[in-house]
Amino acid sequence: MRWLRRFFYSDDPVVKVAGGLSEPEAKMFRELLENDGVVALAKGTSFLSGAYGFSFANDYDLWVKQSDEDRAREVLAPVIQENQLVDDGP
């Protein structure tokens, strides 16, 4: 659990790189990123998925450290739908 604490409590903020994923997609993309050395977190956005274990279609987001954002986008670009990648700002 230390890695989770370090993930959220550091000077390097966490940013969302993908949204609207199903649970299997989120887990697959997280594993793909971690195999490439990018620590990632897949998180359900629905209250019911967290509180009661229900999983709805396309209610997962993928988060990475801001310092890993460019690498994460590079790894995900060939395998993820374009509308699932979150804009990286202006």
PDB file of N, CA and C in Angstrom:
ATOM      1  N   MET A   1       0.808  -1.200   0.000  1.00  0.00           N
ATOM      2  CA  MET A   1       0.000   0.000   0.000  1.00  0.00           C
ATOM      3  C   MET A   1       0.858   1.275   0.000  1.00  0.00           C
ATOM      4  N   ARG A   2       2.155   1.139   0.236  1.00  0.00           N
ATOM      5  CA  ARG A   2       3.004   2.326   0.217  1.00  0.00           C
ATOM      6  C   ARG A   2       2.997   2.998  -1.146  1.00  0.00           C
ATOM      7  N   TRP A   3       2.987   2.183  -2.209  1.00  0.00           N
ATOM      8  CA  TRP A   3       3.005   2.762  -3.550  1.00  0.00           C
ATOM      9  C   TRP A   3       1.773   3.621  -3.765  1.00  0.00           C
ATOM     10  N   LEU A   4       0.612   3.214  -3.189  1.00  0.00           N
ATOM     11  CA  LEU A   4      -0.616   3.978  -3.350  1.00  0.00           C
ATOM     12  C   LEU A   4      -0.502   5.312  -2.609  1.00  0.00           C
ATOM     13  N   ARG A   5       0.067   5.277  -1.429  1.00  0.00           N
ATOM     14  CA  ARG A   5       0.274   6.518  -0.679  1.00  0.00           C
ATOM     15  C   ARG A   5       1.221   7.447  -1.434  1.00  0.00           C
ATOM     16  N   ARG A   6       2.321   6.893  -1.948  1.00  0.00           N
ATOM     17  CA  ARG A   6       3.264   7.715  -2.720  1.00  0.00           C
ATOM     18  C   ARG A   6       2.616   8.243  -3.991  1.00  0.00           C
ATOM     19  N   PHE A   7       1.675   7.466  -4.553  1.00  0.00           N
ATOM     20  CA  PHE A   7       1.009   7.873  -5.783  1.00  0.00           C
ATOM     21  C   PHE A   7       0.217   9.162  -5.554  1.00  0.00           C
ATOM     22  N   PHE A   8      -0.505   9.237  -4.445  1.00  0.00           N
ATOM     23  CA  PHE A   8      -1.373  10.389  -4.190  1.00  0.00           C
ATOM     24  C   PHE A   8      -0.698  11.520  -3.430  1.00  0.00           C
ATOM     25  N   TYR A   9       0.292  11.216  -2.594  1.00  0.00           N
ATOM     26  CA  TYR A   9       0.915  12.228  -1.753  1.00  0.00           C
ATOM     27  C   TYR A   9       2.339  12.507  -2.213  1.00  0.00           C
ATOM     28  N   SER A  10       2.462  13.328  -3.230  1.00  0.00           N
ATOM     29  CA  SER A  10       3.779  13.712  -3.712  1.00  0.00           C
ATOM     30  C   SER A  10       3.669  15.079  -4.376  1.00  0.00           C
ATOM     31  N   ASP A  11       4.803  15.605  -4.774  1.00  0.00           N
ATOM     32  CA  ASP A  11       4.824  16.901  -5.456  1.00  0.00           C
ATOM     33  C   ASP A  11       4.417  16.782  -6.918  1.00  0.00           C
ATOM     34  N   ASP A  12       4.331  15.558  -7.409  1.00  0.00           N
ATOM     35  CA  ASP A  12       3.971  15.294  -8.797  1.00  0.00           C
ATOM     36  C   ASP A  12       2.477  14.974  -8.849  1.00  0.00           C
ATOM     37  N   PRO A  13       1.628  15.911  -9.303  1.00  0.00           N
ATOM     38  CA  PRO A  13       0.185  15.685  -9.274  1.00  0.00           C
ATOM     39  C   PRO A  13      -0.255  14.530 -10.177  1.00  0.00           C
ATOM     40  N   VAL A  14      -1.421  14.001  -9.858  1.00  0.00           N
ATOM     41  CA  VAL A  14      -2.019  12.912 -10.628  1.00  0.00           C
ATOM     42  C   VAL A  14      -2.959  13.527 -11.669  1.00  0.00           C
ATOM     43  N   VAL A  15      -2.899  13.031 -12.905  1.00  0.00           N
ATOM     44  CA  VAL A  15      -3.754  13.544 -13.978  1.00  0.00           C
ATOM     45  C   VAL A  15      -4.493  12.391 -14.661  1.00  0.00           C
ATOM     46  N   LYS A  16      -5.680  12.708 -15.147  1.00  0.00           N
ATOM     47  CA  LYS A  16      -6.472  11.706 -15.854  1.00  0.00           C
ATOM     48  C   LYS A  16      -6.053  11.694 -17.318  1.00  0.00           C
ATOM     49  N   VAL A  17      -5.719  10.499 -17.833  1.00  0.00           N
ATOM     50  CA  VAL A  17      -5.322  10.398 -19.237  1.00  0.00           C
ATOM     51  C   VAL A  17      -6.395   9.741 -20.094  1.00  0.00           C
ATOM     52  N   ALA A  18      -7.291   8.974 -19.470  1.00  0.00           N
ATOM     53  CA  ALA A  18      -8.334   8.308 -20.243  1.00  0.00           C
ATOM     54  C   ALA A  18      -9.594   8.190 -19.394  1.00  0.00           C
ATOM     55  N   GLY A  19     -10.729   8.226 -20.050  1.00  0.00           N
ATOM     56  CA  GLY A  19     -12.015   8.114 -19.368  1.00  0.00           C
ATOM     57  C   GLY A  19     -13.001   7.346 -20.215  1.00  0.00           C
ATOM     58  N   GLY A  20     -14.096   6.957 -19.596  1.00  0.00           N
ATOM     59  CA  GLY A  20     -15.130   6.228 -20.316  1.00  0.00           C
ATOM     60  C   GLY A  20     -14.720   4.809 -20.679  1.00  0.00           C
ATOM     61  N   LEU A  21     -13.949   4.179 -19.795  1.00  0.00           N
ATOM     62  CA  LEU A  21     -13.461   2.821 -20.045  1.00  0.00           C
ATOM     63  C   LEU A  21     -14.302   1.808 -19.287  1.00  0.00           C
ATOM     64  N   SER A  22     -14.412   0.623 -19.825  1.00  0.00           N
ATOM     65  CA  SER A  22     -15.021  -0.468 -19.075  1.00  0.00           C
ATOM     66  C   SER A  22     -13.982  -0.989 -18.086  1.00  0.00           C
ATOM     67  N   GLU A  23     -14.423  -1.756 -17.112  1.00  0.00           N
ATOM     68  CA  GLU A  23     -13.476  -2.270 -16.114  1.00  0.00           C
ATOM     69  C   GLU A  23     -12.377  -3.125 -16.750  1.00  0.00           C
ATOM     70  N   PRO A  24     -12.716  -4.067 -17.663  1.00  0.00           N
ATOM     71  CA  PRO A  24     -11.643  -4.853 -18.287  1.00  0.00           C
ATOM     72  C   PRO A  24     -10.671  -3.997 -19.109  1.00  0.00           C
ATOM     73  N   GLU A  25     -11.190  -2.988 -19.820  1.00  0.00           N
ATOM     74  CA  GLU A  25     -10.309  -2.092 -20.578  1.00  0.00           C
ATOM     75  C   GLU A  25      -9.370  -1.344 -19.653  1.00  0.00           C
ATOM     76  N   ALA A  26      -9.917  -0.812 -18.565  1.00  0.00           N
ATOM     77  CA  ALA A  26      -9.111  -0.036 -17.625  1.00  0.00           C
ATOM     78  C   ALA A  26      -7.995  -0.895 -17.038  1.00  0.00           C
ATOM     79  N   LYS A  27      -8.317  -2.108 -16.658  1.00  0.00           N
ATOM     80  CA  LYS A  27      -7.305  -2.999 -16.092  1.00  0.00           C
ATOM     81  C   LYS A  27      -6.260  -3.378 -17.131  1.00  0.00           C
ATOM     82  N   MET A  28      -6.695  -3.624 -18.362  1.00  0.00           N
ATOM     83  CA  MET A  28      -5.776  -3.991 -19.429  1.00  0.00           C
ATOM     84  C   MET A  28      -4.825  -2.830 -19.745  1.00  0.00           C
ATOM     85  N   PHE A  29      -5.366  -1.604 -19.860  1.00  0.00           N
ATOM     86  CA  PHE A  29      -4.535  -0.448 -20.171  1.00  0.00           C
ATOM     87  C   PHE A  29      -3.594  -0.120 -19.010  1.00  0.00           C
ATOM     88  N   ARG A  30      -4.078  -0.290 -17.771  1.00  0.00           N
ATOM     89  CA  ARG A  30      -3.208  -0.066 -16.611  1.00  0.00           C
ATOM     90  C   ARG A  30      -2.027  -1.030 -16.632  1.00  0.00           C
ATOM     91  N   GLU A  31      -2.311  -2.293 -16.927  1.00  0.00           N
ATOM     92  CA  GLU A  31      -1.241  -3.284 -16.990  1.00  0.00           C
ATOM     93  C   GLU A  31      -0.270  -2.972 -18.127  1.00  0.00           C
ATOM     94  N   LEU A  32      -0.799  -2.534 -19.255  1.00  0.00           N
ATOM     95  CA  LEU A  32       0.044  -2.158 -20.388  1.00  0.00           C
ATOM     96  C   LEU A  32       0.991  -1.022 -19.990  1.00  0.00           C
ATOM     97  N   LEU A  33       0.458  -0.013 -19.303  1.00  0.00           N
ATOM     98  CA  LEU A  33       1.295   1.101 -18.854  1.00  0.00           C
ATOM     99  C   LEU A  33       2.333   0.643 -17.840  1.00  0.00           C
ATOM    100  N   GLU A  34       1.929  -0.181 -16.901  1.00  0.00           N
ATOM    101  CA  GLU A  34       2.856  -0.629 -15.863  1.00  0.00           C
ATOM    102  C   GLU A  34       3.955  -1.515 -16.442  1.00  0.00           C
ATOM    103  N   ASN A  35       3.638  -2.282 -17.481  1.00  0.00           N
ATOM    104  CA  ASN A  35       4.668  -3.077 -18.154  1.00  0.00           C
ATOM    105  C   ASN A  35       5.692  -2.186 -18.846  1.00  0.00           C
ATOM    106  N   ASP A  36       5.289  -0.948 -19.124  1.00  0.00           N
ATOM    107  CA  ASP A  36       6.187   0.011 -19.758  1.00  0.00           C
ATOM    108  C   ASP A  36       6.822   0.958 -18.745  1.00  0.00           C
ATOM    109  N   GLY A  37       6.630   0.684 -17.452  1.00  0.00           N
ATOM    110  CA  GLY A  37       7.259   1.482 -16.415  1.00  0.00           C
ATOM    111  C   GLY A  37       6.486   2.693 -15.948  1.00  0.00           C
ATOM    112  N   VAL A  38       5.226   2.824 -16.365  1.00  0.00           N
ATOM    113  CA  VAL A  38       4.393   3.952 -15.957  1.00  0.00           C
ATOM    114  C   VAL A  38       3.401   3.460 -14.907  1.00  0.00           C
ATOM    115  N   VAL A  39       3.499   3.990 -13.699  1.00  0.00           N
ATOM    116  CA  VAL A  39       2.556   3.618 -12.643  1.00  0.00           C
ATOM    117  C   VAL A  39       1.211   4.263 -12.957  1.00  0.00           C
ATOM    118  N   ALA A  40       0.150   3.457 -12.931  1.00  0.00           N
ATOM    119  CA  ALA A  40      -1.177   3.945 -13.281  1.00  0.00           C
ATOM    120  C   ALA A  40      -2.208   3.450 -12.288  1.00  0.00           C
ATOM    121  N   LEU A  41      -3.329   4.158 -12.224  1.00  0.00           N
ATOM    122  CA  LEU A  41      -4.430   3.801 -11.349  1.00  0.00           C
ATOM    123  C   LEU A  41      -5.710   3.797 -12.168  1.00  0.00           C
ATOM    124  N   ALA A  42      -6.444   2.699 -12.126  1.00  0.00           N
ATOM    125  CA  ALA A  42      -7.761   2.618 -12.765  1.00  0.00           C
ATOM    126  C   ALA A  42      -8.799   2.807 -11.667  1.00  0.00           C
ATOM    127  N   LYS A  43      -9.697   3.771 -11.837  1.00  0.00           N
ATOM    128  CA  LYS A  43     -10.658   4.091 -10.792  1.00  0.00           C
ATOM    129  C   LYS A  43     -12.056   4.188 -11.364  1.00  0.00           C
ATOM    130  N   GLY A  44     -12.991   3.500 -10.719  1.00  0.00           N
ATOM    131  CA  GLY A  44     -14.393   3.586 -11.106  1.00  0.00           C
ATOM    132  C   GLY A  44     -14.966   4.925 -10.701  1.00  0.00           C
ATOM    133  N   THR A  45     -15.761   5.530 -11.563  1.00  0.00           N
ATOM    134  CA  THR A  45     -16.299   6.859 -11.286  1.00  0.00           C
ATOM    135  C   THR A  45     -17.705   6.814 -10.718  1.00  0.00           C
ATOM    136  N   SER A  46     -18.344   5.669 -10.740  1.00  0.00           N
ATOM    137  CA  SER A  46     -19.700   5.549 -10.234  1.00  0.00           C
ATOM    138  C   SER A  46     -19.674   5.272  -8.735  1.00  0.00           C
ATOM    139  N   PHE A  47     -20.545   5.920  -8.001  1.00  0.00           N
ATOM    140  CA  PHE A  47     -20.663   5.679  -6.563  1.00  0.00           C
ATOM    141  C   PHE A  47     -20.973   4.212  -6.286  1.00  0.00           C
ATOM    142  N   LEU A  48     -21.834   3.630  -7.080  1.00  0.00           N
ATOM    143  CA  LEU A  48     -22.229   2.241  -6.852  1.00  0.00           C
ATOM    144  C   LEU A  48     -21.096   1.262  -7.093  1.00  0.00           C
ATOM    145  N   SER A  49     -20.176   1.578  -8.005  1.00  0.00           N
ATOM    146  CA  SER A  49     -19.057   0.673  -8.248  1.00  0.00           C
ATOM    147  C   SER A  49     -18.128   0.630  -7.046  1.00  0.00           C
ATOM    148  N   GLY A  50     -17.959   1.741  -6.368  1.00  0.00           N
ATOM    149  CA  GLY A  50     -17.094   1.770  -5.198  1.00  0.00           C
ATOM    150  C   GLY A  50     -17.775   1.268  -3.942  1.00  0.00           C
ATOM    151  N   ALA A  51     -19.019   1.648  -3.751  1.00  0.00           N
ATOM    152  CA  ALA A  51     -19.712   1.331  -2.504  1.00  0.00           C
ATOM    153  C   ALA A  51     -20.277  -0.080  -2.486  1.00  0.00           C
ATOM    154  N   TYR A  52     -20.776  -0.542  -3.608  1.00  0.00           N
ATOM    155  CA  TYR A  52     -21.467  -1.821  -3.606  1.00  0.00           C
ATOM    156  C   TYR A  52     -20.874  -2.844  -4.556  1.00  0.00           C
ATOM    157  N   GLY A  53     -19.829  -2.487  -5.259  1.00  0.00           N
ATOM    158  CA  GLY A  53     -19.175  -3.437  -6.151  1.00  0.00           C
ATOM    159  C   GLY A  53     -19.840  -3.604  -7.501  1.00  0.00           C
ATOM    160  N   PHE A  54     -20.842  -2.776  -7.801  1.00  0.00           N
ATOM    161  CA  PHE A  54     -21.472  -2.840  -9.116  1.00  0.00           C
ATOM    162  C   PHE A  54     -20.559  -2.182 -10.133  1.00  0.00           C
ATOM    163  N   SER A  55     -20.514  -2.751 -11.308  1.00  0.00           N
ATOM    164  CA  SER A  55     -19.695  -2.151 -12.356  1.00  0.00           C
ATOM    165  C   SER A  55     -20.583  -1.850 -13.552  1.00  0.00           C
ATOM    166  N   PHE A  56     -20.595  -0.605 -13.940  1.00  0.00           N
ATOM    167  CA  PHE A  56     -21.377  -0.188 -15.094  1.00  0.00           C
ATOM    168  C   PHE A  56     -20.454  -0.025 -16.295  1.00  0.00           C
ATOM    169  N   ALA A  57     -21.006  -0.163 -17.453  1.00  0.00           N
ATOM    170  CA  ALA A  57     -20.203  -0.019 -18.663  1.00  0.00           C
ATOM    171  C   ALA A  57     -19.625   1.384 -18.734  1.00  0.00           C
ATOM    172  N   ASN A  58     -18.359   1.437 -19.035  1.00  0.00           N
ATOM    173  CA  ASN A  58     -17.671   2.699 -19.322  1.00  0.00           C
ATOM    174  C   ASN A  58     -17.700   3.709 -18.177  1.00  0.00           C
ATOM    175  N   ASP A  59     -17.448   3.247 -16.958  1.00  0.00           N
ATOM    176  CA  ASP A  59     -17.403   4.187 -15.844  1.00  0.00           C
ATOM    177  C   ASP A  59     -16.052   4.174 -15.124  1.00  0.00           C
ATOM    178  N   TYR A  60     -14.989   3.840 -15.837  1.00  0.00           N
ATOM    179  CA  TYR A  60     -13.644   3.821 -15.261  1.00  0.00           C
ATOM    180  C   TYR A  60     -12.751   4.861 -15.925  1.00  0.00           C
ATOM    181  N   ASP A  61     -11.886   5.469 -15.117  1.00  0.00           N
ATOM    182  CA  ASP A  61     -10.900   6.427 -15.600  1.00  0.00           C
ATOM    183  C   ASP A  61      -9.508   5.890 -15.316  1.00  0.00           C
ATOM    184  N   LEU A  62      -8.547   6.352 -16.067  1.00  0.00           N
ATOM    185  CA  LEU A  62      -7.149   5.946 -15.903  1.00  0.00           C
ATOM    186  C   LEU A  62      -6.339   7.180 -15.526  1.00  0.00           C
ATOM    187  N   TRP A  63      -5.588   7.086 -14.413  1.00  0.00           N
ATOM    188  CA  TRP A  63      -4.817   8.198 -13.867  1.00  0.00           C
ATOM    189  C   TRP A  63      -3.340   7.843 -13.814  1.00  0.00           C
ATOM    190  N   VAL A  64      -2.484   8.817 -14.087  1.00  0.00           N
ATOM    191  CA  VAL A  64      -1.031   8.648 -13.994  1.00  0.00           C
ATOM    192  C   VAL A  64      -0.435   9.915 -13.388  1.00  0.00           C
ATOM    193  N   LYS A  65       0.833   9.838 -12.986  1.00  0.00           N
ATOM    194  CA  LYS A  65       1.543  11.021 -12.511  1.00  0.00           C
ATOM    195  C   LYS A  65       1.730  11.976 -13.692  1.00  0.00           C
ATOM    196  N   GLN A  66       1.703  13.258 -13.412  1.00  0.00           N
ATOM    197  CA  GLN A  66       1.857  14.257 -14.471  1.00  0.00           C
ATOM    198  C   GLN A  66       3.184  14.088 -15.206  1.00  0.00           C
ATOM    199  N   SER A  67       4.218  13.693 -14.488  1.00  0.00           N
ATOM    200  CA  SER A  67       5.527  13.511 -15.126  1.00  0.00           C
ATOM    201  C   SER A  67       5.530  12.330 -16.100  1.00  0.00           C
ATOM    202  N   ASP A  68       4.578  11.409 -15.955  1.00  0.00           N
ATOM    203  CA  ASP A  68       4.476  10.245 -16.842  1.00  0.00           C
ATOM    204  C   ASP A  68       3.410  10.408 -17.921  1.00  0.00           C
ATOM    205  N   GLU A  69       2.736  11.547 -17.934  1.00  0.00           N
ATOM    206  CA  GLU A  69       1.595  11.732 -18.830  1.00  0.00           C
ATOM    207  C   GLU A  69       1.955  11.566 -20.310  1.00  0.00           C
ATOM    208  N   ASP A  70       3.025  12.196 -20.762  1.00  0.00           N
ATOM    209  CA  ASP A  70       3.404  12.100 -22.176  1.00  0.00           C
ATOM    210  C   ASP A  70       3.705  10.662 -22.569  1.00  0.00           C
ATOM    211  N   ARG A  71       4.444   9.960 -21.725  1.00  0.00           N
ATOM    212  CA  ARG A  71       4.785   8.556 -22.008  1.00  0.00           C
ATOM    213  C   ARG A  71       3.518   7.707 -22.012  1.00  0.00           C
ATOM    214  N   ALA A  72       2.595   7.953 -21.091  1.00  0.00           N
ATOM    215  CA  ALA A  72       1.348   7.196 -21.033  1.00  0.00           C
ATOM    216  C   ALA A  72       0.538   7.391 -22.315  1.00  0.00           C
ATOM    217  N   ARG A  73       0.455   8.630 -22.786  1.00  0.00           N
ATOM    218  CA  ARG A  73      -0.286   8.906 -24.026  1.00  0.00           C
ATOM    219  C   ARG A  73       0.373   8.214 -25.222  1.00  0.00           C
ATOM    220  N   GLU A  74       1.689   8.197 -25.223  1.00  0.00           N
ATOM    221  CA  GLU A  74       2.439   7.546 -26.295  1.00  0.00           C
ATOM    222  C   GLU A  74       2.164   6.035 -26.310  1.00  0.00           C
ATOM    223  N   VAL A  75       2.116   5.430 -25.134  1.00  0.00           N
ATOM    224  CA  VAL A  75       1.860   3.988 -25.029  1.00  0.00           C
ATOM    225  C   VAL A  75       0.413   3.654 -25.389  1.00  0.00           C
ATOM    226  N   LEU A  76      -0.531   4.488 -24.949  1.00  0.00           N
ATOM    227  CA  LEU A  76      -1.950   4.205 -25.152  1.00  0.00           C
ATOM    228  C   LEU A  76      -2.459   4.550 -26.553  1.00  0.00           C
ATOM    229  N   ALA A  77      -1.865   5.525 -27.202  1.00  0.00           N
ATOM    230  CA  ALA A  77      -2.372   6.027 -28.488  1.00  0.00           C
ATOM    231  C   ALA A  77      -2.678   4.933 -29.516  1.00  0.00           C
ATOM    232  N   PRO A  78      -1.812   3.931 -29.706  1.00  0.00           N
ATOM    233  CA  PRO A  78      -2.115   2.935 -30.725  1.00  0.00           C
ATOM    234  C   PRO A  78      -3.220   1.935 -30.352  1.00  0.00           C
ATOM    235  N   VAL A  79      -3.557   1.841 -29.053  1.00  0.00           N
ATOM    236  CA  VAL A  79      -4.472   0.772 -28.634  1.00  0.00           C
ATOM    237  C   VAL A  79      -5.797   1.252 -28.071  1.00  0.00           C
ATOM    238  N   ILE A  80      -5.937   2.546 -27.857  1.00  0.00           N
ATOM    239  CA  ILE A  80      -7.152   3.064 -27.234  1.00  0.00           C
ATOM    240  C   ILE A  80      -7.937   3.887 -28.254  1.00  0.00           C
ATOM    241  N   GLN A  81      -9.257   3.941 -28.071  1.00  0.00           N
ATOM    242  CA  GLN A  81     -10.081   4.761 -28.961  1.00  0.00           C
ATOM    243  C   GLN A  81      -9.782   6.234 -28.687  1.00  0.00           C
ATOM    244  N   GLU A  82      -9.743   7.013 -29.734  1.00  0.00           N
ATOM    245  CA  GLU A  82      -9.375   8.425 -29.609  1.00  0.00           C
ATOM    246  C   GLU A  82     -10.308   9.189 -28.667  1.00  0.00           C
ATOM    247  N   ASN A  83     -11.593   8.846 -28.665  1.00  0.00           N
ATOM    248  CA  ASN A  83     -12.540   9.568 -27.805  1.00  0.00           C
ATOM    249  C   ASN A  83     -12.395   9.202 -26.330  1.00  0.00           C
ATOM    250  N   GLN A  84     -11.611   8.164 -26.010  1.00  0.00           N
ATOM    251  CA  GLN A  84     -11.394   7.791 -24.620  1.00  0.00           C
ATOM    252  C   GLN A  84     -10.199   8.517 -24.004  1.00  0.00           C
ATOM    253  N   LEU A  85      -9.298   9.038 -24.840  1.00  0.00           N
ATOM    254  CA  LEU A  85      -8.181   9.829 -24.316  1.00  0.00           C
ATOM    255  C   LEU A  85      -8.690  11.192 -23.902  1.00  0.00           C
ATOM    256  N   VAL A  86      -8.262  11.653 -22.745  1.00  0.00           N
ATOM    257  CA  VAL A  86      -8.654  12.954 -22.229  1.00  0.00           C
ATOM    258  C   VAL A  86      -7.736  14.003 -22.829  1.00  0.00           C
ATOM    259  N   ASP A  87      -8.313  15.140 -23.244  1.00  0.00           N
ATOM    260  CA  ASP A  87      -7.495  16.236 -23.776  1.00  0.00           C
ATOM    261  C   ASP A  87      -6.477  16.665 -22.762  1.00  0.00           C
ATOM    262  N   ASP A  88      -5.285  16.983 -23.221  1.00  0.00           N
ATOM    263  CA  ASP A  88      -4.220  17.397 -22.310  1.00  0.00           C
ATOM    264  C   ASP A  88      -4.176  18.911 -22.124  1.00  0.00           C
ATOM    265  N   GLY A  89      -5.270  19.570 -22.374  1.00  0.00           N
ATOM    266  CA  GLY A  89      -5.339  21.012 -22.103  1.00  0.00           C
ATOM    267  C   GLY A  89      -5.199  21.852 -23.357  1.00  0.00           C
ATOM    268  N   PRO A  90      -5.124  23.188 -23.157  1.00  0.00           N
ATOM    269  CA  PRO A  90      -5.072  24.110 -24.302  1.00  0.00           C
ATOM    270  C   PRO A  90      -3.784  24.048 -25.074  1.00  0.00           C
TER     271      PRO A  90
END
